[in-house]
Amino acid sequence: MRFICFFASTLLISASALSAPAAAPLELRIAVVSDGRAAYFVRLLEESLKLIHQPYHIDYVKDIPARRMWWMLEQGDINLFYGMQSPEKDSSKQLVRVRNGLSNGLIGQRVLLIRPADAKAFAQVHTVNDLKRTGLTAGFGAGWGDTKVWKAAGLPLYEHAAPWNTIYAMVAAQNRNVDYLPRGVIEVMEEARSHPELVVEPHLLIEYRADFAFYLNVSAARYRPIIERALKEAETTGLKARLIDEAFGADIKALNLNRRLRLRLAASPD
């Protein structure tokens, strides 16, 4: 009799599980570029969703200038994009930030892409004031949050409104009012390989609080808790750390961060 009751209960539980509705898939339309820069972020998103068994469908929109991608996100032409977290994005009524730092703060650790001829000048830098006294100008994209960090420190900077890939030749030319590029430790080595006219400065590591985040169009705000749960699970299980290491570990190791002089800058005010 006990076996019959147990068997009947098992059937009822199984039937209930079979009849439970499957989770609705996330319908995502994401902007990416085809140069491989988005590979880690896309993989982190997909692997994290798989980790919590969340169905999803992604359409990729490729090779659109980054500034237009943000416009498309605000308009709802795409519903997810990644980029540097900023107060301006966070306060937008059209954007919803997924609350998880995608690089574990690594994008706020900056090394410099410089002209080989300027290596001696940077080797003499031991403080932020020393960097200021070089008179050399850092290059950033127009409107980047990093510009506030540099301005707050009183460091000369140039904001590049043209497509970003034109700035490397400008630095190399020595006569275009931009002298070096502060790049995150997860991106600088790849850029140096692509632009051999410039070199990675070996002496300095400039640090400030910054990270990438996923942003959703407000129409997809219901996806935020799901993606946040998936990213949290990726952290808890070690998946995120593994993906960071697979994507960037060798390049970060090559930078010898522990041997560099660390200059701390204040994060931009919220």
C-alpha atoms as a PDB file:
ATOM      1  CA  MET A   1       0.000   0.000   0.000  1.00  0.00           C
ATOM      2  CA  ARG A   2       2.843   2.332   0.868  1.00  0.00           C
ATOM      3  CA  PHE A   3       4.480   1.546  -2.489  1.00  0.00           C
ATOM      4  CA  ILE A   4       1.220   2.323  -4.328  1.00  0.00           C
ATOM      5  CA  CYS A   5       0.891   5.683  -2.522  1.00  0.00           C
ATOM      6  CA  PHE A   6       4.530   6.555  -3.232  1.00  0.00           C
ATOM      7  CA  PHE A   7       4.128   5.572  -6.901  1.00  0.00           C
ATOM      8  CA  ALA A   8       0.983   7.660  -7.227  1.00  0.00           C
ATOM      9  CA  SER A   9       2.669  10.661  -5.601  1.00  0.00           C
ATOM     10  CA  THR A  10       5.634  10.338  -7.965  1.00  0.00           C
ATOM     11  CA  LEU A  11       3.293  10.293 -10.951  1.00  0.00           C
ATOM     12  CA  LEU A  12       1.540  13.410  -9.707  1.00  0.00           C
ATOM     13  CA  ILE A  13       4.831  15.273  -9.194  1.00  0.00           C
ATOM     14  CA  SER A  14       6.098  14.198 -12.607  1.00  0.00           C
ATOM     15  CA  ALA A  15       2.877  15.250 -14.285  1.00  0.00           C
ATOM     16  CA  SER A  16       3.040  18.613 -12.533  1.00  0.00           C
ATOM     17  CA  ALA A  17       6.631  19.159 -13.658  1.00  0.00           C
ATOM     18  CA  LEU A  18       5.781  18.240 -17.230  1.00  0.00           C
ATOM     19  CA  SER A  19       2.822  20.586 -17.294  1.00  0.00           C
ATOM     20  CA  ALA A  20       4.756  23.559 -15.835  1.00  0.00           C
ATOM     21  CA  PRO A  21       5.245  26.222 -18.496  1.00  0.00           C
ATOM     22  CA  ALA A  22       8.813  26.659 -19.754  1.00  0.00           C
ATOM     23  CA  ALA A  23      10.487  30.000 -19.093  1.00  0.00           C
ATOM     24  CA  ALA A  24       9.791  32.448 -21.886  1.00  0.00           C
ATOM     25  CA  PRO A  25      12.915  33.143 -23.949  1.00  0.00           C
ATOM     26  CA  LEU A  26      14.623  36.506 -23.712  1.00  0.00           C
ATOM     27  CA  GLU A  27      14.302  38.211 -27.079  1.00  0.00           C
ATOM     28  CA  LEU A  28      17.463  40.282 -27.409  1.00  0.00           C
ATOM     29  CA  ARG A  29      18.688  42.499 -30.218  1.00  0.00           C
ATOM     30  CA  ILE A  30      22.310  43.424 -29.529  1.00  0.00           C
ATOM     31  CA  ALA A  31      24.755  45.753 -31.232  1.00  0.00           C
ATOM     32  CA  VAL A  32      28.306  44.455 -31.697  1.00  0.00           C
ATOM     33  CA  VAL A  33      31.329  45.243 -33.819  1.00  0.00           C
ATOM     34  CA  SER A  34      33.010  42.588 -35.942  1.00  0.00           C
ATOM     35  CA  ASP A  35      36.599  43.238 -34.799  1.00  0.00           C
ATOM     36  CA  GLY A  36      36.277  40.784 -31.914  1.00  0.00           C
ATOM     37  CA  ARG A  37      36.043  43.387 -29.149  1.00  0.00           C
ATOM     38  CA  ALA A  38      32.566  42.233 -28.186  1.00  0.00           C
ATOM     39  CA  ALA A  39      33.451  38.533 -28.005  1.00  0.00           C
ATOM     40  CA  TYR A  40      33.976  38.351 -24.230  1.00  0.00           C
ATOM     41  CA  PHE A  41      30.834  40.321 -23.402  1.00  0.00           C
ATOM     42  CA  VAL A  42      28.652  38.264 -25.730  1.00  0.00           C
ATOM     43  CA  ARG A  43      30.091  35.026 -24.390  1.00  0.00           C
ATOM     44  CA  LEU A  44      29.596  36.146 -20.783  1.00  0.00           C
ATOM     45  CA  LEU A  45      25.959  36.969 -21.481  1.00  0.00           C
ATOM     46  CA  GLU A  46      25.212  33.724 -23.303  1.00  0.00           C
ATOM     47  CA  GLU A  47      27.080  31.408 -20.936  1.00  0.00           C
ATOM     48  CA  SER A  48      25.507  33.079 -17.891  1.00  0.00           C
ATOM     49  CA  LEU A  49      22.000  32.644 -19.278  1.00  0.00           C
ATOM     50  CA  LYS A  50      22.749  28.997 -20.058  1.00  0.00           C
ATOM     51  CA  LEU A  51      23.992  28.555 -16.498  1.00  0.00           C
ATOM     52  CA  ILE A  52      20.545  29.366 -15.083  1.00  0.00           C
ATOM     53  CA  HIS A  53      18.776  27.476 -17.915  1.00  0.00           C
ATOM     54  CA  GLN A  54      17.227  30.657 -19.266  1.00  0.00           C
ATOM     55  CA  PRO A  55      16.149  30.355 -22.917  1.00  0.00           C
ATOM     56  CA  TYR A  56      17.114  33.265 -25.138  1.00  0.00           C
ATOM     57  CA  HIS A  57      17.212  34.366 -28.742  1.00  0.00           C
ATOM     58  CA  ILE A  58      19.717  36.971 -29.921  1.00  0.00           C
ATOM     59  CA  ASP A  59      19.794  38.986 -33.126  1.00  0.00           C
ATOM     60  CA  TYR A  60      23.115  40.746 -33.700  1.00  0.00           C
ATOM     61  CA  VAL A  61      23.372  44.146 -35.357  1.00  0.00           C
ATOM     62  CA  LYS A  62      26.948  44.589 -36.581  1.00  0.00           C
ATOM     63  CA  ASP A  63      29.382  47.281 -37.618  1.00  0.00           C
ATOM     64  CA  ILE A  64      27.515  50.410 -36.631  1.00  0.00           C
ATOM     65  CA  PRO A  65      29.515  53.278 -35.052  1.00  0.00           C
ATOM     66  CA  ALA A  66      29.388  53.084 -31.255  1.00  0.00           C
ATOM     67  CA  ARG A  67      27.743  56.480 -30.806  1.00  0.00           C
ATOM     68  CA  ARG A  68      24.970  55.456 -33.185  1.00  0.00           C
ATOM     69  CA  MET A  69      24.551  52.189 -31.272  1.00  0.00           C
ATOM     70  CA  TRP A  70      23.729  54.158 -28.128  1.00  0.00           C
ATOM     71  CA  TRP A  71      21.217  56.236 -30.094  1.00  0.00           C
ATOM     72  CA  MET A  72      19.669  53.035 -31.431  1.00  0.00           C
ATOM     73  CA  LEU A  73      19.443  51.645 -27.897  1.00  0.00           C
ATOM     74  CA  GLU A  74      17.638  54.740 -26.655  1.00  0.00           C
ATOM     75  CA  GLN A  75      15.276  54.561 -29.636  1.00  0.00           C
ATOM     76  CA  GLY A  76      14.557  50.865 -29.059  1.00  0.00           C
ATOM     77  CA  ASP A  77      16.001  49.747 -32.417  1.00  0.00           C
ATOM     78  CA  ILE A  78      18.201  47.444 -30.324  1.00  0.00           C
ATOM     79  CA  ASN A  79      17.433  46.482 -26.749  1.00  0.00           C
ATOM     80  CA  LEU A  80      20.839  45.639 -25.270  1.00  0.00           C
ATOM     81  CA  PHE A  81      24.302  47.129 -25.581  1.00  0.00           C
ATOM     82  CA  TYR A  82      27.389  47.198 -23.366  1.00  0.00           C
ATOM     83  CA  GLY A  83      29.644  50.099 -22.495  1.00  0.00           C
ATOM     84  CA  MET A  84      31.264  52.090 -19.748  1.00  0.00           C
ATOM     85  CA  GLN A  85      28.934  52.809 -16.868  1.00  0.00           C
ATOM     86  CA  SER A  86      28.254  56.525 -16.447  1.00  0.00           C
ATOM     87  CA  PRO A  87      25.880  58.777 -14.493  1.00  0.00           C
ATOM     88  CA  GLU A  88      24.516  60.088 -17.802  1.00  0.00           C
ATOM     89  CA  LYS A  89      23.519  56.628 -18.987  1.00  0.00           C
ATOM     90  CA  ASP A  90      22.217  55.660 -15.545  1.00  0.00           C
ATOM     91  CA  SER A  91      19.955  58.720 -15.401  1.00  0.00           C
ATOM     92  CA  SER A  92      18.522  58.250 -18.905  1.00  0.00           C
ATOM     93  CA  LYS A  93      14.803  57.510 -18.914  1.00  0.00           C
ATOM     94  CA  GLN A  94      15.308  55.240 -21.931  1.00  0.00           C
ATOM     95  CA  LEU A  95      18.088  53.064 -20.485  1.00  0.00           C
ATOM     96  CA  VAL A  96      18.152  50.516 -17.672  1.00  0.00           C
ATOM     97  CA  ARG A  97      21.527  49.414 -16.337  1.00  0.00           C
ATOM     98  CA  VAL A  98      22.076  45.766 -15.479  1.00  0.00           C
ATOM     99  CA  ARG A  99      23.755  46.020 -12.087  1.00  0.00           C
ATOM    100  CA  ASN A 100      26.923  44.001 -12.572  1.00  0.00           C
ATOM    101  CA  GLY A 101      30.424  45.180 -13.461  1.00  0.00           C
ATOM    102  CA  LEU A 102      31.370  43.133 -16.510  1.00  0.00           C
ATOM    103  CA  SER A 103      35.175  43.365 -16.273  1.00  0.00           C
ATOM    104  CA  ASN A 104      35.499  43.165 -12.467  1.00  0.00           C
ATOM    105  CA  GLY A 105      36.971  46.675 -12.600  1.00  0.00           C
ATOM    106  CA  LEU A 106      39.768  45.789 -15.020  1.00  0.00           C
ATOM    107  CA  ILE A 107      38.774  48.517 -17.469  1.00  0.00           C
ATOM    108  CA  GLY A 108      39.646  51.039 -14.741  1.00  0.00           C
ATOM    109  CA  GLN A 109      43.235  49.789 -14.725  1.00  0.00           C
ATOM    110  CA  ARG A 110      44.928  51.732 -17.503  1.00  0.00           C
ATOM    111  CA  VAL A 111      48.266  51.469 -19.219  1.00  0.00           C
ATOM    112  CA  LEU A 112      49.402  53.842 -21.896  1.00  0.00           C
ATOM    113  CA  LEU A 113      49.767  53.347 -25.620  1.00  0.00           C
ATOM    114  CA  ILE A 114      52.541  55.754 -26.634  1.00  0.00           C
ATOM    115  CA  ARG A 115      55.005  56.752 -29.319  1.00  0.00           C
ATOM    116  CA  PRO A 116      58.341  54.941 -28.842  1.00  0.00           C
ATOM    117  CA  ALA A 117      60.111  58.321 -28.785  1.00  0.00           C
ATOM    118  CA  ASP A 118      58.203  59.345 -25.637  1.00  0.00           C
ATOM    119  CA  ALA A 119      59.251  56.351 -23.527  1.00  0.00           C
ATOM    120  CA  LYS A 120      61.958  58.345 -21.703  1.00  0.00           C
ATOM    121  CA  ALA A 121      59.497  61.074 -20.731  1.00  0.00           C
ATOM    122  CA  PHE A 122      57.071  58.561 -19.198  1.00  0.00           C
ATOM    123  CA  ALA A 123      59.918  56.750 -17.427  1.00  0.00           C
ATOM    124  CA  GLN A 124      60.452  59.934 -15.390  1.00  0.00           C
ATOM    125  CA  VAL A 125      56.845  59.994 -14.162  1.00  0.00           C
ATOM    126  CA  HIS A 126      56.406  59.010 -10.505  1.00  0.00           C
ATOM    127  CA  THR A 127      53.306  61.020  -9.514  1.00  0.00           C
ATOM    128  CA  VAL A 128      50.190  62.425 -11.136  1.00  0.00           C
ATOM    129  CA  ASN A 129      51.821  65.856 -11.020  1.00  0.00           C
ATOM    130  CA  ASP A 130      54.808  64.442 -12.907  1.00  0.00           C
ATOM    131  CA  LEU A 131      52.436  63.199 -15.600  1.00  0.00           C
ATOM    132  CA  LYS A 132      50.848  66.642 -15.755  1.00  0.00           C
ATOM    133  CA  ARG A 133      54.256  68.317 -16.072  1.00  0.00           C
ATOM    134  CA  THR A 134      55.121  66.282 -19.176  1.00  0.00           C
ATOM    135  CA  GLY A 135      52.584  68.409 -21.024  1.00  0.00           C
ATOM    136  CA  LEU A 136      51.550  65.337 -22.999  1.00  0.00           C
ATOM    137  CA  THR A 137      47.894  65.020 -23.941  1.00  0.00           C
ATOM    138  CA  ALA A 138      45.759  61.910 -23.461  1.00  0.00           C
ATOM    139  CA  GLY A 139      43.240  60.865 -26.102  1.00  0.00           C
ATOM    140  CA  PHE A 140      39.664  59.713 -25.421  1.00  0.00           C
ATOM    141  CA  GLY A 141      36.472  59.365 -27.380  1.00  0.00           C
ATOM    142  CA  ALA A 142      34.144  62.349 -27.238  1.00  0.00           C
ATOM    143  CA  GLY A 143      31.838  62.128 -24.251  1.00  0.00           C
ATOM    144  CA  TRP A 144      33.615  59.207 -22.579  1.00  0.00           C
ATOM    145  CA  GLY A 145      33.292  59.080 -18.812  1.00  0.00           C
ATOM    146  CA  ASP A 146      37.077  58.818 -18.517  1.00  0.00           C
ATOM    147  CA  THR A 147      37.379  62.439 -19.610  1.00  0.00           C
ATOM    148  CA  LYS A 148      35.909  63.534 -16.277  1.00  0.00           C
ATOM    149  CA  VAL A 149      38.565  61.553 -14.416  1.00  0.00           C
ATOM    150  CA  TRP A 150      41.358  63.195 -16.398  1.00  0.00           C
ATOM    151  CA  LYS A 151      39.826  66.662 -16.049  1.00  0.00           C
ATOM    152  CA  ALA A 152      39.412  66.251 -12.293  1.00  0.00           C
ATOM    153  CA  ALA A 153      43.116  65.391 -12.045  1.00  0.00           C
ATOM    154  CA  GLY A 154      44.058  68.420 -14.142  1.00  0.00           C
ATOM    155  CA  LEU A 155      45.599  66.264 -16.864  1.00  0.00           C
ATOM    156  CA  PRO A 156      45.557  67.507 -20.483  1.00  0.00           C
ATOM    157  CA  LEU A 157      43.221  65.585 -22.752  1.00  0.00           C
ATOM    158  CA  TYR A 158      41.796  65.498 -26.240  1.00  0.00           C
ATOM    159  CA  GLU A 159      38.303  64.221 -27.112  1.00  0.00           C
ATOM    160  CA  HIS A 160      38.096  62.431 -30.447  1.00  0.00           C
ATOM    161  CA  ALA A 161      34.761  62.836 -32.225  1.00  0.00           C
ATOM    162  CA  ALA A 162      35.772  61.003 -35.417  1.00  0.00           C
ATOM    163  CA  PRO A 163      35.754  57.181 -35.693  1.00  0.00           C
ATOM    164  CA  TRP A 164      38.036  55.833 -32.983  1.00  0.00           C
ATOM    165  CA  ASN A 165      40.321  53.875 -35.320  1.00  0.00           C
ATOM    166  CA  THR A 166      41.691  57.124 -36.769  1.00  0.00           C
ATOM    167  CA  ILE A 167      43.228  58.251 -33.493  1.00  0.00           C
ATOM    168  CA  TYR A 168      46.178  55.841 -33.568  1.00  0.00           C
ATOM    169  CA  ALA A 169      47.638  57.509 -36.659  1.00  0.00           C
ATOM    170  CA  MET A 170      47.063  60.888 -35.028  1.00  0.00           C
ATOM    171  CA  VAL A 171      49.160  59.894 -32.012  1.00  0.00           C
ATOM    172  CA  ALA A 172      51.906  58.532 -34.251  1.00  0.00           C
ATOM    173  CA  ALA A 173      51.944  61.728 -36.345  1.00  0.00           C
ATOM    174  CA  GLN A 174      53.112  63.806 -33.328  1.00  0.00           C
ATOM    175  CA  ASN A 175      51.438  66.969 -34.635  1.00  0.00           C
ATOM    176  CA  ARG A 176      47.741  66.353 -33.994  1.00  0.00           C
ATOM    177  CA  ASN A 177      47.442  67.507 -30.352  1.00  0.00           C
ATOM    178  CA  VAL A 178      47.155  64.000 -28.913  1.00  0.00           C
ATOM    179  CA  ASP A 179      50.151  62.133 -27.506  1.00  0.00           C
ATOM    180  CA  TYR A 180      49.062  58.940 -25.767  1.00  0.00           C
ATOM    181  CA  LEU A 181      46.068  56.696 -25.232  1.00  0.00           C
ATOM    182  CA  PRO A 182      45.157  55.399 -21.735  1.00  0.00           C
ATOM    183  CA  ARG A 183      43.743  51.951 -22.486  1.00  0.00           C
ATOM    184  CA  GLY A 184      42.327  49.264 -20.236  1.00  0.00           C
ATOM    185  CA  VAL A 185      44.485  46.259 -19.432  1.00  0.00           C
ATOM    186  CA  ILE A 186      41.937  44.080 -21.215  1.00  0.00           C
ATOM    187  CA  GLU A 187      42.341  45.948 -24.512  1.00  0.00           C
ATOM    188  CA  VAL A 188      45.775  47.568 -24.814  1.00  0.00           C
ATOM    189  CA  MET A 189      47.817  44.554 -25.944  1.00  0.00           C
ATOM    190  CA  GLU A 190      45.471  43.755 -28.816  1.00  0.00           C
ATOM    191  CA  GLU A 191      45.556  47.401 -29.879  1.00  0.00           C
ATOM    192  CA  ALA A 192      49.355  47.429 -29.758  1.00  0.00           C
ATOM    193  CA  ARG A 193      49.467  44.379 -32.009  1.00  0.00           C
ATOM    194  CA  SER A 194      47.138  46.099 -34.469  1.00  0.00           C
ATOM    195  CA  HIS A 195      49.098  49.392 -34.380  1.00  0.00           C
ATOM    196  CA  PRO A 196      52.828  48.603 -34.333  1.00  0.00           C
ATOM    197  CA  GLU A 197      53.665  52.287 -34.790  1.00  0.00           C
ATOM    198  CA  LEU A 198      52.792  52.647 -31.090  1.00  0.00           C
ATOM    199  CA  VAL A 199      54.077  50.740 -28.047  1.00  0.00           C
ATOM    200  CA  VAL A 200      52.805  49.845 -24.590  1.00  0.00           C
ATOM    201  CA  GLU A 201      54.440  52.057 -21.957  1.00  0.00           C
ATOM    202  CA  PRO A 202      56.104  49.611 -19.492  1.00  0.00           C
ATOM    203  CA  HIS A 203      56.343  51.700 -16.310  1.00  0.00           C
ATOM    204  CA  LEU A 204      52.938  53.026 -15.219  1.00  0.00           C
ATOM    205  CA  LEU A 205      49.538  51.674 -14.181  1.00  0.00           C
ATOM    206  CA  ILE A 206      46.853  54.320 -13.765  1.00  0.00           C
ATOM    207  CA  GLU A 207      43.896  53.200 -11.665  1.00  0.00           C
ATOM    208  CA  TYR A 208      40.399  54.532 -11.039  1.00  0.00           C
ATOM    209  CA  ARG A 209      36.984  53.055 -10.351  1.00  0.00           C
ATOM    210  CA  ALA A 210      35.261  52.192 -13.624  1.00  0.00           C
ATOM    211  CA  ASP A 211      33.600  49.272 -15.325  1.00  0.00           C
ATOM    212  CA  PHE A 212      31.502  48.158 -18.238  1.00  0.00           C
ATOM    213  CA  ALA A 213      27.828  47.306 -17.825  1.00  0.00           C
ATOM    214  CA  PHE A 214      25.017  45.963 -19.942  1.00  0.00           C
ATOM    215  CA  TYR A 215      22.301  48.515 -20.653  1.00  0.00           C
ATOM    216  CA  LEU A 216      18.780  47.606 -21.719  1.00  0.00           C
ATOM    217  CA  ASN A 217      16.238  49.734 -23.502  1.00  0.00           C
ATOM    218  CA  VAL A 218      13.426  50.532 -21.087  1.00  0.00           C
ATOM    219  CA  SER A 219      11.103  48.326 -23.158  1.00  0.00           C
ATOM    220  CA  ALA A 220      13.202  45.332 -22.072  1.00  0.00           C
ATOM    221  CA  ALA A 221      13.491  46.366 -18.408  1.00  0.00           C
ATOM    222  CA  ARG A 222      11.754  43.135 -17.366  1.00  0.00           C
ATOM    223  CA  TYR A 223      14.879  41.271 -18.435  1.00  0.00           C
ATOM    224  CA  ARG A 224      17.083  43.032 -15.901  1.00  0.00           C
ATOM    225  CA  PRO A 225      16.482  40.773 -12.867  1.00  0.00           C
ATOM    226  CA  ILE A 226      16.971  37.680 -15.039  1.00  0.00           C
ATOM    227  CA  ILE A 227      20.281  38.883 -16.479  1.00  0.00           C
ATOM    228  CA  GLU A 228      21.442  40.081 -13.059  1.00  0.00           C
ATOM    229  CA  ARG A 229      20.683  36.663 -11.584  1.00  0.00           C
ATOM    230  CA  ALA A 230      22.547  34.970 -14.413  1.00  0.00           C
ATOM    231  CA  LEU A 231      25.629  37.186 -13.991  1.00  0.00           C
ATOM    232  CA  LYS A 232      25.584  36.689 -10.231  1.00  0.00           C
ATOM    233  CA  GLU A 233      25.525  32.941 -10.731  1.00  0.00           C
ATOM    234  CA  ALA A 234      28.439  33.279 -13.144  1.00  0.00           C
ATOM    235  CA  GLU A 235      30.406  35.007 -10.401  1.00  0.00           C
ATOM    236  CA  THR A 236      29.455  32.482  -7.722  1.00  0.00           C
ATOM    237  CA  THR A 237      30.394  29.476  -9.827  1.00  0.00           C
ATOM    238  CA  GLY A 238      33.658  30.944 -11.120  1.00  0.00           C
ATOM    239  CA  LEU A 239      32.401  31.060 -14.712  1.00  0.00           C
ATOM    240  CA  LYS A 240      32.973  34.802 -15.019  1.00  0.00           C
ATOM    241  CA  ALA A 241      36.545  34.606 -13.686  1.00  0.00           C
ATOM    242  CA  ARG A 242      37.282  31.781 -16.108  1.00  0.00           C
ATOM    243  CA  LEU A 243      35.909  33.678 -19.096  1.00  0.00           C
ATOM    244  CA  ILE A 244      37.937  36.777 -18.159  1.00  0.00           C
ATOM    245  CA  ASP A 245      41.063  34.670 -17.873  1.00  0.00           C
ATOM    246  CA  GLU A 246      40.435  32.910 -21.184  1.00  0.00           C
ATOM    247  CA  ALA A 247      39.792  36.180 -22.995  1.00  0.00           C
ATOM    248  CA  PHE A 248      42.394  38.434 -21.400  1.00  0.00           C
ATOM    249  CA  GLY A 249      44.600  36.440 -19.022  1.00  0.00           C
ATOM    250  CA  ALA A 250      47.649  36.069 -21.269  1.00  0.00           C
ATOM    251  CA  ASP A 251      47.658  39.744 -22.256  1.00  0.00           C
ATOM    252  CA  ILE A 252      47.242  40.914 -18.651  1.00  0.00           C
ATOM    253  CA  LYS A 253      50.092  38.668 -17.533  1.00  0.00           C
ATOM    254  CA  ALA A 254      52.326  40.132 -20.249  1.00  0.00           C
ATOM    255  CA  LEU A 255      51.761  43.627 -18.825  1.00  0.00           C
ATOM    256  CA  ASN A 256      53.542  42.747 -15.539  1.00  0.00           C
ATOM    257  CA  LEU A 257      51.091  44.806 -13.505  1.00  0.00           C
ATOM    258  CA  ASN A 258      52.715  43.979 -10.157  1.00  0.00           C
ATOM    259  CA  ARG A 259      55.946  45.617 -11.291  1.00  0.00           C
ATOM    260  CA  ARG A 260      54.342  48.860 -12.399  1.00  0.00           C
ATOM    261  CA  LEU A 261      54.119  52.135 -10.495  1.00  0.00           C
ATOM    262  CA  ARG A 262      50.463  52.662  -9.625  1.00  0.00           C
ATOM    263  CA  LEU A 263      48.961  56.125  -9.904  1.00  0.00           C
ATOM    264  CA  ARG A 264      45.498  56.413  -8.390  1.00  0.00           C
ATOM    265  CA  LEU A 265      42.977  58.859  -9.848  1.00  0.00           C
ATOM    266  CA  ALA A 266      39.626  59.732  -8.302  1.00  0.00           C
ATOM    267  CA  ALA A 267      36.593  58.299 -10.078  1.00  0.00           C
ATOM    268  CA  SER A 268      34.360  60.762 -11.856  1.00  0.00           C
ATOM    269  CA  PRO A 269      31.687  62.243  -9.573  1.00  0.00           C
ATOM    270  CA  ASP A 270      28.233  60.649  -9.810  1.00  0.00           C
END
